[in-house]
Amino acid sequence: MKNNFETMFGEKVAFELKTIFTESLGCNFRNQVAHGLLDDNDGQSHHSVYAWWYVLRMICHSLVRD
């Protein structure tokens, strides 16, 4: 059964965002930020850059209308 988030964004995007930000088997970026576990160099890690790119991509796609 799909939740509202999956219905709105689709299964692929929902999976990707869950993996990036919340899943402990993923990079669990939200937990690291929330608990202050990131240092200055972690802002340049591939997890940080990918999270930034993915959110920017979502914003850009939302601005383009077909």
PDB file of N, CA and C in Angstrom:
ATOM      1  N   MET A   1       0.841  -1.178   0.000  1.00  0.00           N
ATOM      2  CA  MET A   1       0.000   0.000   0.000  1.00  0.00           C
ATOM      3  C   MET A   1       0.890   1.246   0.000  1.00  0.00           C
ATOM      4  N   LYS A   2       0.597   2.169  -0.895  1.00  0.00           N
ATOM      5  CA  LYS A   2       1.389   3.389  -1.012  1.00  0.00           C
ATOM      6  C   LYS A   2       0.952   4.410   0.020  1.00  0.00           C
ATOM      7  N   ASN A   3       1.922   5.142   0.559  1.00  0.00           N
ATOM      8  CA  ASN A   3       1.582   6.256   1.432  1.00  0.00           C
ATOM      9  C   ASN A   3       1.471   7.524   0.589  1.00  0.00           C
ATOM     10  N   ASN A   4       1.102   8.629   1.192  1.00  0.00           N
ATOM     11  CA  ASN A   4       0.892   9.875   0.454  1.00  0.00           C
ATOM     12  C   ASN A   4       2.159  10.351  -0.247  1.00  0.00           C
ATOM     13  N   PHE A   5       3.291  10.186   0.408  1.00  0.00           N
ATOM     14  CA  PHE A   5       4.555  10.610  -0.186  1.00  0.00           C
ATOM     15  C   PHE A   5       4.848   9.841  -1.464  1.00  0.00           C
ATOM     16  N   GLU A   6       4.674   8.525  -1.426  1.00  0.00           N
ATOM     17  CA  GLU A   6       4.903   7.701  -2.610  1.00  0.00           C
ATOM     18  C   GLU A   6       3.906   8.018  -3.708  1.00  0.00           C
ATOM     19  N   THR A   7       2.681   8.321  -3.343  1.00  0.00           N
ATOM     20  CA  THR A   7       1.678   8.677  -4.335  1.00  0.00           C
ATOM     21  C   THR A   7       2.031   9.986  -5.019  1.00  0.00           C
ATOM     22  N   MET A   8       2.525  10.945  -4.258  1.00  0.00           N
ATOM     23  CA  MET A   8       2.843  12.255  -4.811  1.00  0.00           C
ATOM     24  C   MET A   8       4.111  12.231  -5.661  1.00  0.00           C
ATOM     25  N   PHE A   9       5.160  11.599  -5.183  1.00  0.00           N
ATOM     26  CA  PHE A   9       6.457  11.654  -5.850  1.00  0.00           C
ATOM     27  C   PHE A   9       6.800  10.413  -6.664  1.00  0.00           C
ATOM     28  N   GLY A  10       6.111   9.321  -6.424  1.00  0.00           N
ATOM     29  CA  GLY A  10       6.426   8.072  -7.112  1.00  0.00           C
ATOM     30  C   GLY A  10       7.333   7.203  -6.253  1.00  0.00           C
ATOM     31  N   GLU A  11       7.315   5.910  -6.539  1.00  0.00           N
ATOM     32  CA  GLU A  11       8.068   4.951  -5.730  1.00  0.00           C
ATOM     33  C   GLU A  11       9.574   5.158  -5.833  1.00  0.00           C
ATOM     34  N   LYS A  12      10.076   5.477  -7.021  1.00  0.00           N
ATOM     35  CA  LYS A  12      11.522   5.620  -7.211  1.00  0.00           C
ATOM     36  C   LYS A  12      12.073   6.807  -6.428  1.00  0.00           C
ATOM     37  N   VAL A  13      11.403   7.949  -6.520  1.00  0.00           N
ATOM     38  CA  VAL A  13      11.865   9.141  -5.805  1.00  0.00           C
ATOM     39  C   VAL A  13      11.734   8.933  -4.297  1.00  0.00           C
ATOM     40  N   ALA A  14      10.634   8.346  -3.860  1.00  0.00           N
ATOM     41  CA  ALA A  14      10.446   8.080  -2.435  1.00  0.00           C
ATOM     42  C   ALA A  14      11.551   7.164  -1.906  1.00  0.00           C
ATOM     43  N   PHE A  15      11.886   6.126  -2.654  1.00  0.00           N
ATOM     44  CA  PHE A  15      12.956   5.225  -2.252  1.00  0.00           C
ATOM     45  C   PHE A  15      14.286   5.963  -2.177  1.00  0.00           C
ATOM     46  N   GLU A  16      14.586   6.764  -3.190  1.00  0.00           N
ATOM     47  CA  GLU A  16      15.849   7.499  -3.235  1.00  0.00           C
ATOM     48  C   GLU A  16      15.982   8.452  -2.054  1.00  0.00           C
ATOM     49  N   LEU A  17      14.930   9.216  -1.758  1.00  0.00           N
ATOM     50  CA  LEU A  17      14.988  10.164  -0.644  1.00  0.00           C
ATOM     51  C   LEU A  17      15.073   9.460   0.704  1.00  0.00           C
ATOM     52  N   LYS A  18      14.358   8.370   0.861  1.00  0.00           N
ATOM     53  CA  LYS A  18      14.456   7.600   2.108  1.00  0.00           C
ATOM     54  C   LYS A  18      15.876   7.076   2.297  1.00  0.00           C
ATOM     55  N   THR A  19      16.464   6.578   1.206  1.00  0.00           N
ATOM     56  CA  THR A  19      17.815   6.028   1.284  1.00  0.00           C
ATOM     57  C   THR A  19      18.831   7.106   1.627  1.00  0.00           C
ATOM     58  N   ILE A  20      18.700   8.275   1.013  1.00  0.00           N
ATOM     59  CA  ILE A  20      19.650   9.360   1.256  1.00  0.00           C
ATOM     60  C   ILE A  20      19.533   9.886   2.686  1.00  0.00           C
ATOM     61  N   PHE A  21      18.315  10.133   3.138  1.00  0.00           N
ATOM     62  CA  PHE A  21      18.144  10.903   4.363  1.00  0.00           C
ATOM     63  C   PHE A  21      17.796  10.102   5.609  1.00  0.00           C
ATOM     64  N   THR A  22      17.177   8.941   5.500  1.00  0.00           N
ATOM     65  CA  THR A  22      16.679   8.316   6.729  1.00  0.00           C
ATOM     66  C   THR A  22      17.109   6.878   6.977  1.00  0.00           C
ATOM     67  N   GLU A  23      17.356   6.106   5.966  1.00  0.00           N
ATOM     68  CA  GLU A  23      17.648   4.682   6.174  1.00  0.00           C
ATOM     69  C   GLU A  23      19.023   4.487   6.791  1.00  0.00           C
ATOM     70  N   SER A  24      19.091   3.636   7.794  1.00  0.00           N
ATOM     71  CA  SER A  24      20.381   3.389   8.445  1.00  0.00           C
ATOM     72  C   SER A  24      21.339   2.628   7.532  1.00  0.00           C
ATOM     73  N   LEU A  25      20.817   1.876   6.579  1.00  0.00           N
ATOM     74  CA  LEU A  25      21.675   1.181   5.623  1.00  0.00           C
ATOM     75  C   LEU A  25      22.139   2.120   4.512  1.00  0.00           C
ATOM     76  N   GLY A  26      21.452   3.237   4.335  1.00  0.00           N
ATOM     77  CA  GLY A  26      21.884   4.249   3.385  1.00  0.00           C
ATOM     78  C   GLY A  26      22.880   5.166   4.068  1.00  0.00           C
ATOM     79  N   CYS A  27      22.991   6.399   3.593  1.00  0.00           N
ATOM     80  CA  CYS A  27      23.964   7.303   4.215  1.00  0.00           C
ATOM     81  C   CYS A  27      23.409   7.970   5.475  1.00  0.00           C
ATOM     82  N   ASN A  28      22.089   7.869   5.710  1.00  0.00           N
ATOM     83  CA  ASN A  28      21.487   8.357   6.960  1.00  0.00           C
ATOM     84  C   ASN A  28      21.887   9.806   7.241  1.00  0.00           C
ATOM     85  N   PHE A  29      21.827  10.613   6.218  1.00  0.00           N
ATOM     86  CA  PHE A  29      22.303  11.989   6.252  1.00  0.00           C
ATOM     87  C   PHE A  29      21.552  12.848   7.273  1.00  0.00           C
ATOM     88  N   ARG A  30      20.245  12.674   7.381  1.00  0.00           N
ATOM     89  CA  ARG A  30      19.446  13.457   8.319  1.00  0.00           C
ATOM     90  C   ARG A  30      19.920  13.243   9.754  1.00  0.00           C
ATOM     91  N   ASN A  31      20.182  12.014  10.116  1.00  0.00           N
ATOM     92  CA  ASN A  31      20.628  11.697  11.470  1.00  0.00           C
ATOM     93  C   ASN A  31      21.987  12.328  11.762  1.00  0.00           C
ATOM     94  N   GLN A  32      22.885  12.280  10.795  1.00  0.00           N
ATOM     95  CA  GLN A  32      24.208  12.851  10.982  1.00  0.00           C
ATOM     96  C   GLN A  32      24.141  14.368  11.158  1.00  0.00           C
ATOM     97  N   VAL A  33      23.289  15.020  10.373  1.00  0.00           N
ATOM     98  CA  VAL A  33      23.133  16.473  10.488  1.00  0.00           C
ATOM     99  C   VAL A  33      22.448  16.831  11.805  1.00  0.00           C
ATOM    100  N   ALA A  34      21.373  16.128  12.134  1.00  0.00           N
ATOM    101  CA  ALA A  34      20.582  16.445  13.324  1.00  0.00           C
ATOM    102  C   ALA A  34      21.366  16.276  14.619  1.00  0.00           C
ATOM    103  N   HIS A  35      22.283  15.334  14.649  1.00  0.00           N
ATOM    104  CA  HIS A  35      23.038  15.069  15.866  1.00  0.00           C
ATOM    105  C   HIS A  35      24.438  15.668  15.852  1.00  0.00           C
ATOM    106  N   GLY A  36      24.716  16.493  14.850  1.00  0.00           N
ATOM    107  CA  GLY A  36      25.997  17.183  14.797  1.00  0.00           C
ATOM    108  C   GLY A  36      27.181  16.259  14.576  1.00  0.00           C
ATOM    109  N   LEU A  37      26.970  15.191  13.835  1.00  0.00           N
ATOM    110  CA  LEU A  37      28.036  14.219  13.610  1.00  0.00           C
ATOM    111  C   LEU A  37      28.898  14.548  12.400  1.00  0.00           C
ATOM    112  N   LEU A  38      28.536  15.581  11.647  1.00  0.00           N
ATOM    113  CA  LEU A  38      29.307  15.957  10.465  1.00  0.00           C
ATOM    114  C   LEU A  38      30.346  17.007  10.830  1.00  0.00           C
ATOM    115  N   ASP A  39      31.519  16.882  10.260  1.00  0.00           N
ATOM    116  CA  ASP A  39      32.513  17.941  10.439  1.00  0.00           C
ATOM    117  C   ASP A  39      32.607  18.748   9.141  1.00  0.00           C
ATOM    118  N   ASP A  40      33.518  19.688   9.081  1.00  0.00           N
ATOM    119  CA  ASP A  40      33.625  20.566   7.919  1.00  0.00           C
ATOM    120  C   ASP A  40      33.930  19.813   6.629  1.00  0.00           C
ATOM    121  N   ASN A  41      34.712  18.780   6.718  1.00  0.00           N
ATOM    122  CA  ASN A  41      35.082  18.022   5.523  1.00  0.00           C
ATOM    123  C   ASN A  41      33.948  17.150   4.990  1.00  0.00           C
ATOM    124  N   ASP A  42      32.990  16.819   5.829  1.00  0.00           N
ATOM    125  CA  ASP A  42      31.877  15.981   5.393  1.00  0.00           C
ATOM    126  C   ASP A  42      30.953  16.707   4.425  1.00  0.00           C
ATOM    127  N   GLY A  43      31.020  18.020   4.387  1.00  0.00           N
ATOM    128  CA  GLY A  43      30.230  18.777   3.420  1.00  0.00           C
ATOM    129  C   GLY A  43      30.664  18.532   1.994  1.00  0.00           C
ATOM    130  N   GLN A  44      31.842  17.966   1.815  1.00  0.00           N
ATOM    131  CA  GLN A  44      32.355  17.661   0.480  1.00  0.00           C
ATOM    132  C   GLN A  44      32.328  16.162   0.184  1.00  0.00           C
ATOM    133  N   SER A  45      31.711  15.399   1.053  1.00  0.00           N
ATOM    134  CA  SER A  45      31.645  13.951   0.822  1.00  0.00           C
ATOM    135  C   SER A  45      30.677  13.654  -0.322  1.00  0.00           C
ATOM    136  N   HIS A  46      30.802  12.478  -0.887  1.00  0.00           N
ATOM    137  CA  HIS A  46      29.912  12.133  -1.995  1.00  0.00           C
ATOM    138  C   HIS A  46      28.455  12.041  -1.539  1.00  0.00           C
ATOM    139  N   HIS A  47      28.209  11.691  -0.282  1.00  0.00           N
ATOM    140  CA  HIS A  47      26.833  11.655   0.227  1.00  0.00           C
ATOM    141  C   HIS A  47      26.240  13.063   0.270  1.00  0.00           C
ATOM    142  N   SER A  48      26.999  14.022   0.756  1.00  0.00           N
ATOM    143  CA  SER A  48      26.517  15.403   0.854  1.00  0.00           C
ATOM    144  C   SER A  48      26.270  16.005  -0.519  1.00  0.00           C
ATOM    145  N   VAL A  49      27.212  15.795  -1.410  1.00  0.00           N
ATOM    146  CA  VAL A  49      27.082  16.344  -2.764  1.00  0.00           C
ATOM    147  C   VAL A  49      25.901  15.702  -3.484  1.00  0.00           C
ATOM    148  N   TYR A  50      25.733  14.405  -3.338  1.00  0.00           N
ATOM    149  CA  TYR A  50      24.612  13.722  -3.986  1.00  0.00           C
ATOM    150  C   TYR A  50      23.282  14.193  -3.424  1.00  0.00           C
ATOM    151  N   ALA A  51      23.184  14.364  -2.114  1.00  0.00           N
ATOM    152  CA  ALA A  51      21.943  14.854  -1.505  1.00  0.00           C
ATOM    153  C   ALA A  51      21.625  16.254  -2.018  1.00  0.00           C
ATOM    154  N   TRP A  52      22.631  17.126  -2.073  1.00  0.00           N
ATOM    155  CA  TRP A  52      22.445  18.481  -2.586  1.00  0.00           C
ATOM    156  C   TRP A  52      21.989  18.440  -4.035  1.00  0.00           C
ATOM    157  N   TRP A  53      22.656  17.638  -4.863  1.00  0.00           N
ATOM    158  CA  TRP A  53      22.319  17.540  -6.272  1.00  0.00           C
ATOM    159  C   TRP A  53      20.901  17.009  -6.464  1.00  0.00           C
ATOM    160  N   TYR A  54      20.521  16.004  -5.704  1.00  0.00           N
ATOM    161  CA  TYR A  54      19.204  15.396  -5.873  1.00  0.00           C
ATOM    162  C   TYR A  54      18.091  16.389  -5.538  1.00  0.00           C
ATOM    163  N   VAL A  55      18.255  17.136  -4.454  1.00  0.00           N
ATOM    164  CA  VAL A  55      17.249  18.128  -4.074  1.00  0.00           C
ATOM    165  C   VAL A  55      17.211  19.257  -5.103  1.00  0.00           C
ATOM    166  N   LEU A  56      18.368  19.720  -5.567  1.00  0.00           N
ATOM    167  CA  LEU A  56      18.410  20.746  -6.603  1.00  0.00           C
ATOM    168  C   LEU A  56      17.736  20.260  -7.875  1.00  0.00           C
ATOM    169  N   ARG A  57      17.962  19.023  -8.240  1.00  0.00           N
ATOM    170  CA  ARG A  57      17.324  18.435  -9.424  1.00  0.00           C
ATOM    171  C   ARG A  57      15.806  18.427  -9.278  1.00  0.00           C
ATOM    172  N   MET A  58      15.322  18.068  -8.089  1.00  0.00           N
ATOM    173  CA  MET A  58      13.869  18.066  -7.858  1.00  0.00           C
ATOM    174  C   MET A  58      13.304  19.476  -8.003  1.00  0.00           C
ATOM    175  N   ILE A  59      14.017  20.474  -7.484  1.00  0.00           N
ATOM    176  CA  ILE A  59      13.551  21.854  -7.584  1.00  0.00           C
ATOM    177  C   ILE A  59      13.513  22.299  -9.042  1.00  0.00           C
ATOM    178  N   CYS A  60      14.566  22.027  -9.773  1.00  0.00           N
ATOM    179  CA  CYS A  60      14.629  22.424 -11.181  1.00  0.00           C
ATOM    180  C   CYS A  60      13.533  21.743 -11.999  1.00  0.00           C
ATOM    181  N   HIS A  61      13.293  20.469 -11.753  1.00  0.00           N
ATOM    182  CA  HIS A  61      12.234  19.761 -12.475  1.00  0.00           C
ATOM    183  C   HIS A  61      10.861  20.316 -12.120  1.00  0.00           C
ATOM    184  N   SER A  62      10.689  20.800 -10.902  1.00  0.00           N
ATOM    185  CA  SER A  62       9.385  21.360 -10.530  1.00  0.00           C
ATOM    186  C   SER A  62       9.130  22.707 -11.205  1.00  0.00           C
ATOM    187  N   LEU A  63      10.186  23.401 -11.600  1.00  0.00           N
ATOM    188  CA  LEU A  63      10.040  24.708 -12.247  1.00  0.00           C
ATOM    189  C   LEU A  63       9.769  24.586 -13.756  1.00  0.00           C
ATOM    190  N   VAL A  64      10.146  23.477 -14.347  1.00  0.00           N
ATOM    191  CA  VAL A  64       9.972  23.268 -15.779  1.00  0.00           C
ATOM    192  C   VAL A  64       8.593  22.659 -16.004  1.00  0.00           C
ATOM    193  N   ARG A  65       7.844  23.319 -16.810  1.00  0.00           N
ATOM    194  CA  ARG A  65       6.496  22.814 -17.133  1.00  0.00           C
ATOM    195  C   ARG A  65       6.504  22.317 -18.567  1.00  0.00           C
ATOM    196  N   ASP A  66       5.889  21.171 -18.782  1.00  0.00           N
ATOM    197  CA  ASP A  66       5.794  20.624 -20.158  1.00  0.00           C
ATOM    198  C   ASP A  66       4.686  21.286 -20.927  1.00  0.00           C
TER     199      ASP A  66
END
